[in-house]
Structure formats: structure tokens, C-alpha cells
């Protein structure tokens, strides 16, 4: 199963050990990913190689306990997308 808002796609969601991130907007290039808990605390803040339309990035989720999170993707202008992420163990 995947989750998508606008042109940001995550799969599988729920994730067990990894999640694939894809941006399908040709005008946006992803430069980083943040994962927040439901209280808004940043748990992961990771730079990525610059990703553009059709590129994918695989991120491990093994360090996160089972739960609900929010994944934000960032470019040089700030946060460009935010998607719920469920982690199962």
C-alpha cells in the first residue's frame, strides 16, 4: 500500500523496515527528509541526494518504534510535502 499527497508518494505504508519516497512533481527537487512524531518532535532529519521527478529514495525505519509519524520532504525553499507514515514491527 502507498500514501500520497499531491506528488509525494510513500510505499509501503505501513512500513516495517524501510519506506520508499518518490516525488512526481517535475518542478520540485527533494533535498531532505524529516520524520516527526505526533507531538511534532523531529526524530529524523536526513539530507538526501537531490531527487527530482521519477527518482526514488529508500529510507530505513528500523530505528523507529511502531507507531504513527509524519514524513516531511524539504527542498531549498522549505517543506514541500507532508505525509502520514505508519511503522509496524
N, C-alpha and C. Protein backbone atom coordinates (compact mmCIF):
# COMPACT_ATOMS: atom_id res chain seq x y z
N UNK A 1 0.84 -1.18 0.00
CA UNK A 1 0.00 0.00 0.00
C UNK A 1 0.88 1.24 0.00
N UNK A 2 0.40 2.32 -0.60
CA UNK A 2 1.17 3.55 -0.65
C UNK A 2 0.33 4.70 -0.12
N UNK A 3 0.99 5.77 0.26
CA UNK A 3 0.31 7.01 0.65
C UNK A 3 0.85 8.12 -0.21
N UNK A 4 0.00 8.99 -0.64
CA UNK A 4 0.46 10.11 -1.44
C UNK A 4 -0.35 11.35 -1.18
N UNK A 5 0.31 12.49 -1.14
CA UNK A 5 -0.35 13.78 -1.06
C UNK A 5 0.27 14.62 -2.16
N UNK A 6 -0.55 15.10 -3.05
CA UNK A 6 -0.01 15.84 -4.18
C UNK A 6 0.86 14.91 -4.99
N UNK A 7 2.12 15.26 -5.10
CA UNK A 7 3.04 14.47 -5.90
C UNK A 7 4.07 13.72 -5.07
N UNK A 8 3.84 13.61 -3.75
CA UNK A 8 4.73 12.89 -2.86
C UNK A 8 4.14 11.51 -2.58
N UNK A 9 4.92 10.47 -2.84
CA UNK A 9 4.43 9.10 -2.68
C UNK A 9 5.36 8.33 -1.75
N UNK A 10 4.76 7.60 -0.79
CA UNK A 10 5.49 6.70 0.12
C UNK A 10 4.95 5.30 -0.06
N UNK A 11 5.84 4.32 -0.11
CA UNK A 11 5.38 2.93 -0.12
C UNK A 11 6.49 2.03 0.37
N UNK A 12 6.23 0.92 1.03
CA UNK A 12 4.91 0.55 1.54
C UNK A 12 4.57 1.41 2.75
N UNK A 13 3.31 1.57 2.98
CA UNK A 13 2.83 2.32 4.13
C UNK A 13 1.56 1.64 4.61
N UNK A 14 1.62 0.88 5.67
CA UNK A 14 2.61 0.83 6.75
C UNK A 14 3.93 0.19 6.31
N UNK A 15 5.00 0.69 6.95
CA UNK A 15 6.36 0.22 6.69
C UNK A 15 6.80 -0.68 7.85
N UNK A 16 7.65 -1.63 7.55
CA UNK A 16 8.22 -2.49 8.60
C UNK A 16 9.68 -2.17 8.81
N UNK A 17 10.48 -2.17 7.75
CA UNK A 17 11.91 -1.91 7.91
C UNK A 17 12.43 -0.80 7.00
N UNK A 18 11.66 -0.46 5.95
CA UNK A 18 12.08 0.60 5.05
C UNK A 18 10.87 1.17 4.33
N UNK A 19 11.03 2.38 3.82
CA UNK A 19 9.99 3.04 3.05
C UNK A 19 10.65 3.71 1.85
N UNK A 20 9.98 3.66 0.72
CA UNK A 20 10.47 4.30 -0.50
C UNK A 20 9.74 5.62 -0.67
N UNK A 21 10.50 6.67 -0.95
CA UNK A 21 9.95 8.02 -1.13
C UNK A 21 10.14 8.40 -2.60
N UNK A 22 9.10 8.94 -3.19
CA UNK A 22 9.17 9.36 -4.59
C UNK A 22 8.43 10.68 -4.74
N UNK A 23 9.01 11.61 -5.49
CA UNK A 23 8.35 12.88 -5.80
C UNK A 23 8.06 12.88 -7.28
N UNK A 24 6.81 13.08 -7.62
CA UNK A 24 6.40 13.03 -9.02
C UNK A 24 6.18 14.39 -9.65
N UNK A 25 6.47 15.46 -8.90
CA UNK A 25 6.31 16.81 -9.43
C UNK A 25 7.60 17.22 -10.15
N UNK A 26 7.52 17.54 -11.45
CA UNK A 26 8.75 17.89 -12.18
C UNK A 26 9.36 19.22 -11.75
N UNK A 27 8.61 20.04 -11.01
CA UNK A 27 9.11 21.35 -10.60
C UNK A 27 9.71 21.37 -9.20
N UNK A 28 9.73 20.22 -8.52
CA UNK A 28 10.23 20.15 -7.14
C UNK A 28 11.35 19.12 -7.06
N UNK A 29 12.43 19.49 -6.40
CA UNK A 29 13.53 18.56 -6.15
C UNK A 29 13.69 18.39 -4.64
N UNK A 30 13.63 17.16 -4.17
CA UNK A 30 13.75 16.86 -2.74
C UNK A 30 15.23 16.91 -2.35
N UNK A 31 15.52 17.57 -1.23
CA UNK A 31 16.89 17.64 -0.73
C UNK A 31 17.04 17.08 0.68
N UNK A 32 15.93 16.79 1.34
CA UNK A 32 16.00 16.25 2.68
C UNK A 32 14.66 15.69 3.12
N UNK A 33 14.72 14.86 4.17
CA UNK A 33 13.53 14.23 4.72
C UNK A 33 13.56 14.38 6.24
N UNK A 34 12.40 14.73 6.81
CA UNK A 34 12.26 14.77 8.26
C UNK A 34 11.11 13.86 8.66
N UNK A 35 11.29 13.16 9.78
CA UNK A 35 10.20 12.37 10.35
C UNK A 35 9.90 12.95 11.72
N UNK A 36 8.61 13.25 11.94
CA UNK A 36 8.12 13.83 13.18
C UNK A 36 7.22 12.84 13.88
N UNK A 37 7.19 12.88 15.22
CA UNK A 37 6.18 12.11 15.94
C UNK A 37 4.89 12.92 15.96
N UNK A 38 3.85 12.40 16.56
CA UNK A 38 2.56 13.08 16.55
C UNK A 38 2.55 14.37 17.38
N UNK A 39 3.53 14.54 18.26
CA UNK A 39 3.66 15.79 19.02
C UNK A 39 4.46 16.84 18.25
N UNK A 40 4.97 16.48 17.07
CA UNK A 40 5.72 17.43 16.25
C UNK A 40 7.22 17.41 16.47
N UNK A 41 7.71 16.55 17.36
CA UNK A 41 9.16 16.47 17.60
C UNK A 41 9.85 15.82 16.40
N UNK A 42 10.96 16.40 15.99
CA UNK A 42 11.73 15.85 14.87
C UNK A 42 12.54 14.66 15.38
N UNK A 43 12.30 13.48 14.82
CA UNK A 43 13.02 12.26 15.20
C UNK A 43 14.13 11.94 14.22
N UNK A 44 13.93 12.28 12.96
CA UNK A 44 14.92 12.04 11.91
C UNK A 44 14.98 13.29 11.06
N UNK A 45 16.20 13.76 10.79
CA UNK A 45 16.42 14.88 9.88
C UNK A 45 17.58 14.48 8.98
N UNK A 46 17.27 14.08 7.76
CA UNK A 46 18.26 13.45 6.91
C UNK A 46 18.36 14.16 5.57
N UNK A 47 19.57 14.51 5.18
CA UNK A 47 19.79 15.02 3.83
C UNK A 47 19.72 13.86 2.86
N UNK A 48 19.30 14.15 1.64
CA UNK A 48 19.24 13.12 0.61
C UNK A 48 19.98 13.63 -0.62
N UNK A 49 20.37 12.72 -1.51
CA UNK A 49 20.81 13.20 -2.81
C UNK A 49 19.61 13.93 -3.43
N UNK A 50 19.85 14.94 -4.25
CA UNK A 50 18.73 15.67 -4.83
C UNK A 50 17.88 14.74 -5.69
N UNK A 51 16.59 14.68 -5.37
CA UNK A 51 15.67 13.81 -6.09
C UNK A 51 14.70 14.66 -6.90
N UNK A 52 14.51 14.31 -8.15
CA UNK A 52 13.55 15.01 -8.99
C UNK A 52 12.54 14.01 -9.51
N UNK A 53 11.69 14.46 -10.41
CA UNK A 53 10.59 13.63 -10.90
C UNK A 53 11.04 12.23 -11.28
N UNK A 54 10.38 11.25 -10.70
CA UNK A 54 10.65 9.86 -11.03
C UNK A 54 11.76 9.22 -10.21
N UNK A 55 12.57 10.01 -9.49
CA UNK A 55 13.61 9.45 -8.63
C UNK A 55 12.98 8.88 -7.36
N UNK A 56 13.64 7.89 -6.78
CA UNK A 56 13.18 7.32 -5.52
C UNK A 56 14.32 7.30 -4.52
N UNK A 57 13.96 7.29 -3.25
CA UNK A 57 14.92 7.23 -2.16
C UNK A 57 14.39 6.23 -1.14
N UNK A 58 15.22 5.27 -0.75
CA UNK A 58 14.81 4.27 0.23
C UNK A 58 15.38 4.66 1.59
N UNK A 59 14.51 4.73 2.57
CA UNK A 59 14.89 5.14 3.92
C UNK A 59 14.54 4.02 4.89
N UNK A 60 15.47 3.67 5.77
CA UNK A 60 15.17 2.63 6.75
C UNK A 60 14.31 3.19 7.87
N UNK A 61 13.47 2.34 8.41
CA UNK A 61 12.59 2.72 9.53
C UNK A 61 12.85 1.85 10.75
N UNK A 62 13.91 1.05 10.72
CA UNK A 62 14.18 0.11 11.80
C UNK A 62 14.46 0.80 13.13
N UNK A 63 14.95 2.05 13.11
CA UNK A 63 15.25 2.74 14.36
C UNK A 63 14.01 3.36 15.01
N UNK A 64 12.89 3.34 14.30
CA UNK A 64 11.66 3.92 14.85
C UNK A 64 10.81 2.84 15.49
N UNK A 65 10.28 3.10 16.69
CA UNK A 65 9.33 2.15 17.28
C UNK A 65 8.04 2.12 16.45
N UNK A 66 7.26 1.08 16.61
CA UNK A 66 5.97 1.01 15.94
C UNK A 66 5.14 2.23 16.34
N UNK A 67 4.46 2.82 15.37
CA UNK A 67 3.64 3.98 15.67
C UNK A 67 3.29 4.77 14.43
N UNK A 68 2.67 5.92 14.67
CA UNK A 68 2.27 6.83 13.59
C UNK A 68 3.20 8.03 13.61
N UNK A 69 3.68 8.40 12.43
CA UNK A 69 4.61 9.51 12.27
C UNK A 69 4.16 10.36 11.08
N UNK A 70 4.85 11.46 10.88
CA UNK A 70 4.65 12.28 9.69
C UNK A 70 5.99 12.48 9.02
N UNK A 71 6.03 12.21 7.72
CA UNK A 71 7.25 12.41 6.95
C UNK A 71 7.10 13.69 6.13
N UNK A 72 8.06 14.59 6.28
CA UNK A 72 8.10 15.83 5.51
C UNK A 72 9.28 15.78 4.56
N UNK A 73 9.09 16.28 3.35
CA UNK A 73 10.21 16.40 2.43
C UNK A 73 10.50 17.88 2.24
N UNK A 74 11.80 18.16 2.05
CA UNK A 74 12.28 19.53 2.06
C UNK A 74 13.05 19.80 0.77
N UNK A 75 12.90 21.01 0.25
CA UNK A 75 13.78 21.47 -0.81
C UNK A 75 14.39 22.80 -0.37
N UNK A 76 15.00 23.52 -1.27
CA UNK A 76 15.70 24.74 -0.87
C UNK A 76 14.77 25.85 -0.41
N UNK A 77 13.47 25.71 -0.61
CA UNK A 77 12.52 26.73 -0.15
C UNK A 77 11.79 26.32 1.12
N UNK A 78 11.99 25.10 1.61
CA UNK A 78 11.33 24.65 2.82
C UNK A 78 10.59 23.34 2.62
N UNK A 79 9.60 23.09 3.47
CA UNK A 79 8.83 21.85 3.41
C UNK A 79 7.89 21.91 2.21
N UNK A 80 7.93 20.88 1.37
CA UNK A 80 7.10 20.86 0.16
C UNK A 80 6.04 19.76 0.19
N UNK A 81 6.08 18.91 1.19
CA UNK A 81 5.08 17.85 1.30
C UNK A 81 5.17 17.17 2.64
N UNK A 82 4.01 16.73 3.14
CA UNK A 82 3.97 16.03 4.43
C UNK A 82 2.96 14.91 4.32
N UNK A 83 3.39 13.69 4.68
CA UNK A 83 2.56 12.51 4.51
C UNK A 83 2.60 11.69 5.80
N UNK A 84 1.45 11.15 6.25
CA UNK A 84 1.47 10.25 7.40
C UNK A 84 2.24 8.97 7.07
N UNK A 85 2.97 8.47 8.03
CA UNK A 85 3.74 7.24 7.88
C UNK A 85 3.45 6.35 9.09
N UNK A 86 3.06 5.11 8.83
CA UNK A 86 2.82 4.15 9.90
C UNK A 86 3.96 3.14 9.89
N UNK A 87 4.54 2.89 11.06
CA UNK A 87 5.62 1.91 11.19
C UNK A 87 5.09 0.76 12.03
N UNK A 88 5.26 -0.44 11.50
CA UNK A 88 4.88 -1.67 12.23
C UNK A 88 6.11 -2.50 12.47
N UNK A 89 6.10 -3.31 13.51
CA UNK A 89 7.22 -4.19 13.83
C UNK A 89 6.78 -5.63 13.76
